[in-house]
Amino acid sequence: MAKLTLNVDPDVIHAAKAYAQAHQVSLSHLVMQFLRTLPAPAPDFWTQLHETLVQEGFQELGDDTEALRRRHVQRKYL
């Protein structure tokens, strides 16, 4: 399974943890159950999103994604 970081109000976290404990499930399980209830995007959703992002100025990744990753890590951590 992949990890996911979320920013959630402390009151919501407290209530969710209490609910999870009362129902003997993990908070991760509750989040996963909720996310599975979301409708699947239309097949062309990703194509439309890509076109919109490119039109708004986002740049596509080049062939050398490893070089981009290294540059990002250097800027962020060094």
PDB file of N, CA and C in Angstrom:
ATOM      1  N   MET A   1       0.835  -1.187   0.000  1.00  0.00           N
ATOM      2  CA  MET A   1       0.000   0.000   0.000  1.00  0.00           C
ATOM      3  C   MET A   1       0.875   1.242   0.000  1.00  0.00           C
ATOM      4  N   ALA A   2       0.356   2.306  -0.578  1.00  0.00           N
ATOM      5  CA  ALA A   2       1.062   3.584  -0.614  1.00  0.00           C
ATOM      6  C   ALA A   2       0.685   4.424   0.599  1.00  0.00           C
ATOM      7  N   LYS A   3       1.587   5.324   0.970  1.00  0.00           N
ATOM      8  CA  LYS A   3       1.313   6.242   2.074  1.00  0.00           C
ATOM      9  C   LYS A   3       0.723   7.530   1.513  1.00  0.00           C
ATOM     10  N   LEU A   4      -0.058   8.214   2.349  1.00  0.00           N
ATOM     11  CA  LEU A   4      -0.711   9.448   1.958  1.00  0.00           C
ATOM     12  C   LEU A   4      -0.655  10.406   3.136  1.00  0.00           C
ATOM     13  N   THR A   5      -0.249  11.635   2.880  1.00  0.00           N
ATOM     14  CA  THR A   5      -0.220  12.658   3.919  1.00  0.00           C
ATOM     15  C   THR A   5      -1.382  13.610   3.696  1.00  0.00           C
ATOM     16  N   LEU A   6      -2.139  13.851   4.754  1.00  0.00           N
ATOM     17  CA  LEU A   6      -3.300  14.736   4.667  1.00  0.00           C
ATOM     18  C   LEU A   6      -3.190  15.838   5.706  1.00  0.00           C
ATOM     19  N   ASN A   7      -3.736  16.998   5.401  1.00  0.00           N
ATOM     20  CA  ASN A   7      -3.858  18.088   6.364  1.00  0.00           C
ATOM     21  C   ASN A   7      -5.329  18.157   6.763  1.00  0.00           C
ATOM     22  N   VAL A   8      -5.588  17.879   8.043  1.00  0.00           N
ATOM     23  CA  VAL A   8      -6.962  17.795   8.534  1.00  0.00           C
ATOM     24  C   VAL A   8      -7.059  18.578   9.837  1.00  0.00           C
ATOM     25  N   ASP A   9      -8.195  19.230  10.040  1.00  0.00           N
ATOM     26  CA  ASP A   9      -8.408  19.965  11.284  1.00  0.00           C
ATOM     27  C   ASP A   9      -8.278  19.029  12.484  1.00  0.00           C
ATOM     28  N   PRO A  10      -7.656  19.491  13.562  1.00  0.00           N
ATOM     29  CA  PRO A  10      -7.468  18.639  14.743  1.00  0.00           C
ATOM     30  C   PRO A  10      -8.777  18.076  15.296  1.00  0.00           C
ATOM     31  N   ASP A  11      -9.838  18.856  15.265  1.00  0.00           N
ATOM     32  CA  ASP A  11     -11.130  18.364  15.768  1.00  0.00           C
ATOM     33  C   ASP A  11     -11.635  17.187  14.944  1.00  0.00           C
ATOM     34  N   VAL A  12     -11.429  17.246  13.641  1.00  0.00           N
ATOM     35  CA  VAL A  12     -11.854  16.156  12.761  1.00  0.00           C
ATOM     36  C   VAL A  12     -11.022  14.908  13.036  1.00  0.00           C
ATOM     37  N   ILE A  13      -9.717  15.091  13.222  1.00  0.00           N
ATOM     38  CA  ILE A  13      -8.844  13.960  13.523  1.00  0.00           C
ATOM     39  C   ILE A  13      -9.274  13.297  14.827  1.00  0.00           C
ATOM     40  N   HIS A  14      -9.528  14.096  15.846  1.00  0.00           N
ATOM     41  CA  HIS A  14      -9.936  13.554  17.145  1.00  0.00           C
ATOM     42  C   HIS A  14     -11.233  12.744  17.014  1.00  0.00           C
ATOM     43  N   ALA A  15     -12.209  13.297  16.318  1.00  0.00           N
ATOM     44  CA  ALA A  15     -13.485  12.597  16.141  1.00  0.00           C
ATOM     45  C   ALA A  15     -13.301  11.323  15.325  1.00  0.00           C
ATOM     46  N   ALA A  16     -12.477  11.390  14.292  1.00  0.00           N
ATOM     47  CA  ALA A  16     -12.252  10.219  13.445  1.00  0.00           C
ATOM     48  C   ALA A  16     -11.540   9.111  14.221  1.00  0.00           C
ATOM     49  N   LYS A  17     -10.571   9.478  15.038  1.00  0.00           N
ATOM     50  CA  LYS A  17      -9.866   8.479  15.843  1.00  0.00           C
ATOM     51  C   LYS A  17     -10.809   7.831  16.852  1.00  0.00           C
ATOM     52  N   ALA A  18     -11.673   8.635  17.459  1.00  0.00           N
ATOM     53  CA  ALA A  18     -12.644   8.084  18.412  1.00  0.00           C
ATOM     54  C   ALA A  18     -13.605   7.124  17.708  1.00  0.00           C
ATOM     55  N   TYR A  19     -14.061   7.508  16.529  1.00  0.00           N
ATOM     56  CA  TYR A  19     -14.961   6.649  15.754  1.00  0.00           C
ATOM     57  C   TYR A  19     -14.265   5.346  15.376  1.00  0.00           C
ATOM     58  N   ALA A  20     -13.036   5.452  14.899  1.00  0.00           N
ATOM     59  CA  ALA A  20     -12.280   4.266  14.499  1.00  0.00           C
ATOM     60  C   ALA A  20     -12.069   3.328  15.678  1.00  0.00           C
ATOM     61  N   GLN A  21     -11.722   3.886  16.832  1.00  0.00           N
ATOM     62  CA  GLN A  21     -11.502   3.060  18.014  1.00  0.00           C
ATOM     63  C   GLN A  21     -12.806   2.391  18.451  1.00  0.00           C
ATOM     64  N   ALA A  22     -13.903   3.125  18.426  1.00  0.00           N
ATOM     65  CA  ALA A  22     -15.192   2.564  18.830  1.00  0.00           C
ATOM     66  C   ALA A  22     -15.633   1.427  17.909  1.00  0.00           C
ATOM     67  N   HIS A  23     -15.221   1.496  16.647  1.00  0.00           N
ATOM     68  CA  HIS A  23     -15.608   0.474  15.663  1.00  0.00           C
ATOM     69  C   HIS A  23     -14.484  -0.530  15.383  1.00  0.00           C
ATOM     70  N   GLN A  24     -13.415  -0.442  16.170  1.00  0.00           N
ATOM     71  CA  GLN A  24     -12.278  -1.358  16.088  1.00  0.00           C
ATOM     72  C   GLN A  24     -11.708  -1.475  14.668  1.00  0.00           C
ATOM     73  N   VAL A  25     -11.514  -0.324  14.042  1.00  0.00           N
ATOM     74  CA  VAL A  25     -10.874  -0.262  12.723  1.00  0.00           C
ATOM     75  C   VAL A  25      -9.818   0.827  12.773  1.00  0.00           C
ATOM     76  N   SER A  26      -8.903   0.781  11.851  1.00  0.00           N
ATOM     77  CA  SER A  26      -7.873   1.815  11.803  1.00  0.00           C
ATOM     78  C   SER A  26      -8.396   3.049  11.082  1.00  0.00           C
ATOM     79  N   LEU A  27      -7.762   4.157  11.349  1.00  0.00           N
ATOM     80  CA  LEU A  27      -8.105   5.392  10.661  1.00  0.00           C
ATOM     81  C   LEU A  27      -7.811   5.257   9.169  1.00  0.00           C
ATOM     82  N   SER A  28      -6.731   4.557   8.842  1.00  0.00           N
ATOM     83  CA  SER A  28      -6.398   4.310   7.440  1.00  0.00           C
ATOM     84  C   SER A  28      -7.523   3.543   6.745  1.00  0.00           C
ATOM     85  N   HIS A  29      -8.087   2.567   7.439  1.00  0.00           N
ATOM     86  CA  HIS A  29      -9.181   1.783   6.860  1.00  0.00           C
ATOM     87  C   HIS A  29     -10.401   2.673   6.604  1.00  0.00           C
ATOM     88  N   LEU A  30     -10.711   3.562   7.536  1.00  0.00           N
ATOM     89  CA  LEU A  30     -11.842   4.478   7.347  1.00  0.00           C
ATOM     90  C   LEU A  30     -11.632   5.379   6.134  1.00  0.00           C
ATOM     91  N   VAL A  31     -10.418   5.927   6.012  1.00  0.00           N
ATOM     92  CA  VAL A  31     -10.124   6.803   4.873  1.00  0.00           C
ATOM     93  C   VAL A  31     -10.219   6.013   3.572  1.00  0.00           C
ATOM     94  N   MET A  32      -9.665   4.796   3.567  1.00  0.00           N
ATOM     95  CA  MET A  32      -9.712   3.979   2.366  1.00  0.00           C
ATOM     96  C   MET A  32     -11.158   3.651   1.986  1.00  0.00           C
ATOM     97  N   GLN A  33     -11.989   3.320   2.977  1.00  0.00           N
ATOM     98  CA  GLN A  33     -13.404   3.042   2.697  1.00  0.00           C
ATOM     99  C   GLN A  33     -14.077   4.262   2.072  1.00  0.00           C
ATOM    100  N   PHE A  34     -13.801   5.442   2.634  1.00  0.00           N
ATOM    101  CA  PHE A  34     -14.408   6.657   2.088  1.00  0.00           C
ATOM    102  C   PHE A  34     -13.954   6.909   0.657  1.00  0.00           C
ATOM    103  N   LEU A  35     -12.653   6.800   0.416  1.00  0.00           N
ATOM    104  CA  LEU A  35     -12.131   7.067  -0.927  1.00  0.00           C
ATOM    105  C   LEU A  35     -12.692   6.088  -1.957  1.00  0.00           C
ATOM    106  N   ARG A  36     -12.955   4.875  -1.545  1.00  0.00           N
ATOM    107  CA  ARG A  36     -13.535   3.892  -2.461  1.00  0.00           C
ATOM    108  C   ARG A  36     -14.977   4.227  -2.832  1.00  0.00           C
ATOM    109  N   THR A  37     -15.652   5.050  -2.026  1.00  0.00           N
ATOM    110  CA  THR A  37     -17.031   5.422  -2.345  1.00  0.00           C
ATOM    111  C   THR A  37     -17.102   6.536  -3.394  1.00  0.00           C
ATOM    112  N   LEU A  38     -15.971   7.194  -3.651  1.00  0.00           N
ATOM    113  CA  LEU A  38     -15.969   8.280  -4.635  1.00  0.00           C
ATOM    114  C   LEU A  38     -16.167   7.711  -6.038  1.00  0.00           C
ATOM    115  N   PRO A  39     -16.903   8.419  -6.869  1.00  0.00           N
ATOM    116  CA  PRO A  39     -17.110   7.917  -8.233  1.00  0.00           C
ATOM    117  C   PRO A  39     -15.811   7.951  -9.032  1.00  0.00           C
ATOM    118  N   ALA A  40     -15.667   6.973  -9.897  1.00  0.00           N
ATOM    119  CA  ALA A  40     -14.481   6.922 -10.764  1.00  0.00           C
ATOM    120  C   ALA A  40     -14.575   8.041 -11.795  1.00  0.00           C
ATOM    121  N   PRO A  41     -13.449   8.667 -12.125  1.00  0.00           N
ATOM    122  CA  PRO A  41     -13.483   9.721 -13.143  1.00  0.00           C
ATOM    123  C   PRO A  41     -13.807   9.131 -14.514  1.00  0.00           C
ATOM    124  N   ALA A  42     -14.364   9.959 -15.356  1.00  0.00           N
ATOM    125  CA  ALA A  42     -14.669   9.540 -16.724  1.00  0.00           C
ATOM    126  C   ALA A  42     -13.367   9.148 -17.419  1.00  0.00           C
ATOM    127  N   PRO A  43     -13.423   8.221 -18.371  1.00  0.00           N
ATOM    128  CA  PRO A  43     -12.196   7.765 -19.043  1.00  0.00           C
ATOM    129  C   PRO A  43     -11.360   8.881 -19.645  1.00  0.00           C
ATOM    130  N   ASP A  44     -11.999   9.935 -20.107  1.00  0.00           N
ATOM    131  CA  ASP A  44     -11.240  11.023 -20.722  1.00  0.00           C
ATOM    132  C   ASP A  44     -10.878  12.120 -19.718  1.00  0.00           C
ATOM    133  N   PHE A  45     -11.150  11.896 -18.446  1.00  0.00           N
ATOM    134  CA  PHE A  45     -10.867  12.888 -17.413  1.00  0.00           C
ATOM    135  C   PHE A  45      -9.393  13.269 -17.413  1.00  0.00           C
ATOM    136  N   TRP A  46      -8.501  12.259 -17.427  1.00  0.00           N
ATOM    137  CA  TRP A  46      -7.071  12.533 -17.340  1.00  0.00           C
ATOM    138  C   TRP A  46      -6.573  13.278 -18.572  1.00  0.00           C
ATOM    139  N   THR A  47      -7.117  12.952 -19.733  1.00  0.00           N
ATOM    140  CA  THR A  47      -6.731  13.659 -20.956  1.00  0.00           C
ATOM    141  C   THR A  47      -7.156  15.126 -20.860  1.00  0.00           C
ATOM    142  N   GLN A  48      -8.378  15.360 -20.402  1.00  0.00           N
ATOM    143  CA  GLN A  48      -8.871  16.733 -20.265  1.00  0.00           C
ATOM    144  C   GLN A  48      -8.063  17.508 -19.224  1.00  0.00           C
ATOM    145  N   LEU A  49      -7.764  16.847 -18.114  1.00  0.00           N
ATOM    146  CA  LEU A  49      -6.969  17.502 -17.079  1.00  0.00           C
ATOM    147  C   LEU A  49      -5.592  17.867 -17.607  1.00  0.00           C
ATOM    148  N   HIS A  50      -4.962  16.959 -18.319  1.00  0.00           N
ATOM    149  CA  HIS A  50      -3.637  17.208 -18.891  1.00  0.00           C
ATOM    150  C   HIS A  50      -3.682  18.407 -19.826  1.00  0.00           C
ATOM    151  N   GLU A  51      -4.658  18.440 -20.721  1.00  0.00           N
ATOM    152  CA  GLU A  51      -4.768  19.545 -21.673  1.00  0.00           C
ATOM    153  C   GLU A  51      -4.966  20.868 -20.946  1.00  0.00           C
ATOM    154  N   THR A  52      -5.787  20.873 -19.918  1.00  0.00           N
ATOM    155  CA  THR A  52      -6.048  22.092 -19.154  1.00  0.00           C
ATOM    156  C   THR A  52      -4.776  22.571 -18.461  1.00  0.00           C
ATOM    157  N   LEU A  53      -4.056  21.645 -17.850  1.00  0.00           N
ATOM    158  CA  LEU A  53      -2.823  22.028 -17.146  1.00  0.00           C
ATOM    159  C   LEU A  53      -1.777  22.582 -18.099  1.00  0.00           C
ATOM    160  N   VAL A  54      -1.623  21.975 -19.253  1.00  0.00           N
ATOM    161  CA  VAL A  54      -0.659  22.468 -20.239  1.00  0.00           C
ATOM    162  C   VAL A  54      -1.069  23.862 -20.710  1.00  0.00           C
ATOM    163  N   GLN A  55      -2.366  24.084 -20.950  1.00  0.00           N
ATOM    164  CA  GLN A  55      -2.849  25.395 -21.374  1.00  0.00           C
ATOM    165  C   GLN A  55      -2.596  26.456 -20.308  1.00  0.00           C
ATOM    166  N   GLU A  56      -2.628  26.033 -19.034  1.00  0.00           N
ATOM    167  CA  GLU A  56      -2.414  26.976 -17.934  1.00  0.00           C
ATOM    168  C   GLU A  56      -0.936  27.200 -17.633  1.00  0.00           C
ATOM    169  N   GLY A  57      -0.060  26.554 -18.394  1.00  0.00           N
ATOM    170  CA  GLY A  57       1.362  26.826 -18.247  1.00  0.00           C
ATOM    171  C   GLY A  57       2.166  25.756 -17.547  1.00  0.00           C
ATOM    172  N   PHE A  58       1.531  24.699 -17.099  1.00  0.00           N
ATOM    173  CA  PHE A  58       2.299  23.616 -16.489  1.00  0.00           C
ATOM    174  C   PHE A  58       3.136  22.936 -17.556  1.00  0.00           C
ATOM    175  N   GLN A  59       4.335  22.556 -17.182  1.00  0.00           N
ATOM    176  CA  GLN A  59       5.232  21.914 -18.143  1.00  0.00           C
ATOM    177  C   GLN A  59       5.187  20.406 -17.978  1.00  0.00           C
ATOM    178  N   GLU A  60       5.240  19.718 -19.098  1.00  0.00           N
ATOM    179  CA  GLU A  60       5.283  18.269 -19.068  1.00  0.00           C
ATOM    180  C   GLU A  60       6.676  17.816 -18.660  1.00  0.00           C
ATOM    181  N   LEU A  61       6.727  16.675 -17.995  1.00  0.00           N
ATOM    182  CA  LEU A  61       8.024  16.110 -17.638  1.00  0.00           C
ATOM    183  C   LEU A  61       8.740  15.662 -18.891  1.00  0.00           C
ATOM    184  N   GLY A  62      10.038  15.854 -18.904  1.00  0.00           N
ATOM    185  CA  GLY A  62      10.829  15.378 -20.024  1.00  0.00           C
ATOM    186  C   GLY A  62      11.131  13.898 -19.870  1.00  0.00           C
ATOM    187  N   ASP A  63      11.979  13.406 -20.743  1.00  0.00           N
ATOM    188  CA  ASP A  63      12.347  11.998 -20.691  1.00  0.00           C
ATOM    189  C   ASP A  63      13.235  11.684 -19.495  1.00  0.00           C
ATOM    190  N   ASP A  64      13.986  12.674 -19.007  1.00  0.00           N
ATOM    191  CA  ASP A  64      14.922  12.426 -17.920  1.00  0.00           C
ATOM    192  C   ASP A  64      14.296  12.826 -16.586  1.00  0.00           C
ATOM    193  N   THR A  65      13.323  12.052 -16.129  1.00  0.00           N
ATOM    194  CA  THR A  65      12.652  12.371 -14.873  1.00  0.00           C
ATOM    195  C   THR A  65      13.582  12.212 -13.680  1.00  0.00           C
ATOM    196  N   GLU A  66      14.595  11.358 -13.790  1.00  0.00           N
ATOM    197  CA  GLU A  66      15.545  11.183 -12.692  1.00  0.00           C
ATOM    198  C   GLU A  66      16.330  12.483 -12.460  1.00  0.00           C
ATOM    199  N   ALA A  67      16.714  13.153 -13.519  1.00  0.00           N
ATOM    200  CA  ALA A  67      17.419  14.433 -13.383  1.00  0.00           C
ATOM    201  C   ALA A  67      16.503  15.478 -12.739  1.00  0.00           C
ATOM    202  N   LEU A  68      15.246  15.487 -13.115  1.00  0.00           N
ATOM    203  CA  LEU A  68      14.293  16.415 -12.507  1.00  0.00           C
ATOM    204  C   LEU A  68      14.126  16.124 -11.024  1.00  0.00           C
ATOM    205  N   ARG A  69      14.064  14.850 -10.685  1.00  0.00           N
ATOM    206  CA  ARG A  69      13.918  14.465  -9.281  1.00  0.00           C
ATOM    207  C   ARG A  69      15.134  14.904  -8.472  1.00  0.00           C
ATOM    208  N   ARG A  70      16.326  14.683  -9.018  1.00  0.00           N
ATOM    209  CA  ARG A  70      17.551  15.086  -8.324  1.00  0.00           C
ATOM    210  C   ARG A  70      17.582  16.603  -8.105  1.00  0.00           C
ATOM    211  N   ARG A  71      17.213  17.358  -9.132  1.00  0.00           N
ATOM    212  CA  ARG A  71      17.187  18.817  -9.017  1.00  0.00           C
ATOM    213  C   ARG A  71      16.192  19.257  -7.934  1.00  0.00           C
ATOM    214  N   HIS A  72      15.038  18.622  -7.924  1.00  0.00           N
ATOM    215  CA  HIS A  72      14.012  18.948  -6.921  1.00  0.00           C
ATOM    216  C   HIS A  72      14.543  18.674  -5.506  1.00  0.00           C
ATOM    217  N   VAL A  73      15.163  17.522  -5.314  1.00  0.00           N
ATOM    218  CA  VAL A  73      15.686  17.150  -4.003  1.00  0.00           C
ATOM    219  C   VAL A  73      16.782  18.117  -3.572  1.00  0.00           C
ATOM    220  N   GLN A  74      17.657  18.508  -4.515  1.00  0.00           N
ATOM    221  CA  GLN A  74      18.724  19.454  -4.184  1.00  0.00           C
ATOM    222  C   GLN A  74      18.149  20.790  -3.750  1.00  0.00           C
ATOM    223  N   ARG A  75      17.157  21.287  -4.499  1.00  0.00           N
ATOM    224  CA  ARG A  75      16.549  22.574  -4.146  1.00  0.00           C
ATOM    225  C   ARG A  75      15.838  22.503  -2.813  1.00  0.00           C
ATOM    226  N   LYS A  76      15.186  21.391  -2.559  1.00  0.00           N
ATOM    227  CA  LYS A  76      14.357  21.283  -1.347  1.00  0.00           C
ATOM    228  C   LYS A  76      15.191  21.041  -0.094  1.00  0.00           C
ATOM    229  N   TYR A  77      16.235  20.225  -0.201  1.00  0.00           N
ATOM    230  CA  TYR A  77      16.933  19.787   1.002  1.00  0.00           C
ATOM    231  C   TYR A  77      18.360  20.308   1.151  1.00  0.00           C
ATOM    232  N   LEU A  78      18.942  20.869   0.103  1.00  0.00           N
ATOM    233  CA  LEU A  78      20.330  21.308   0.224  1.00  0.00           C
ATOM    234  C   LEU A  78      20.463  22.810   0.253  1.00  0.00           C
TER     235      LEU A  78
END
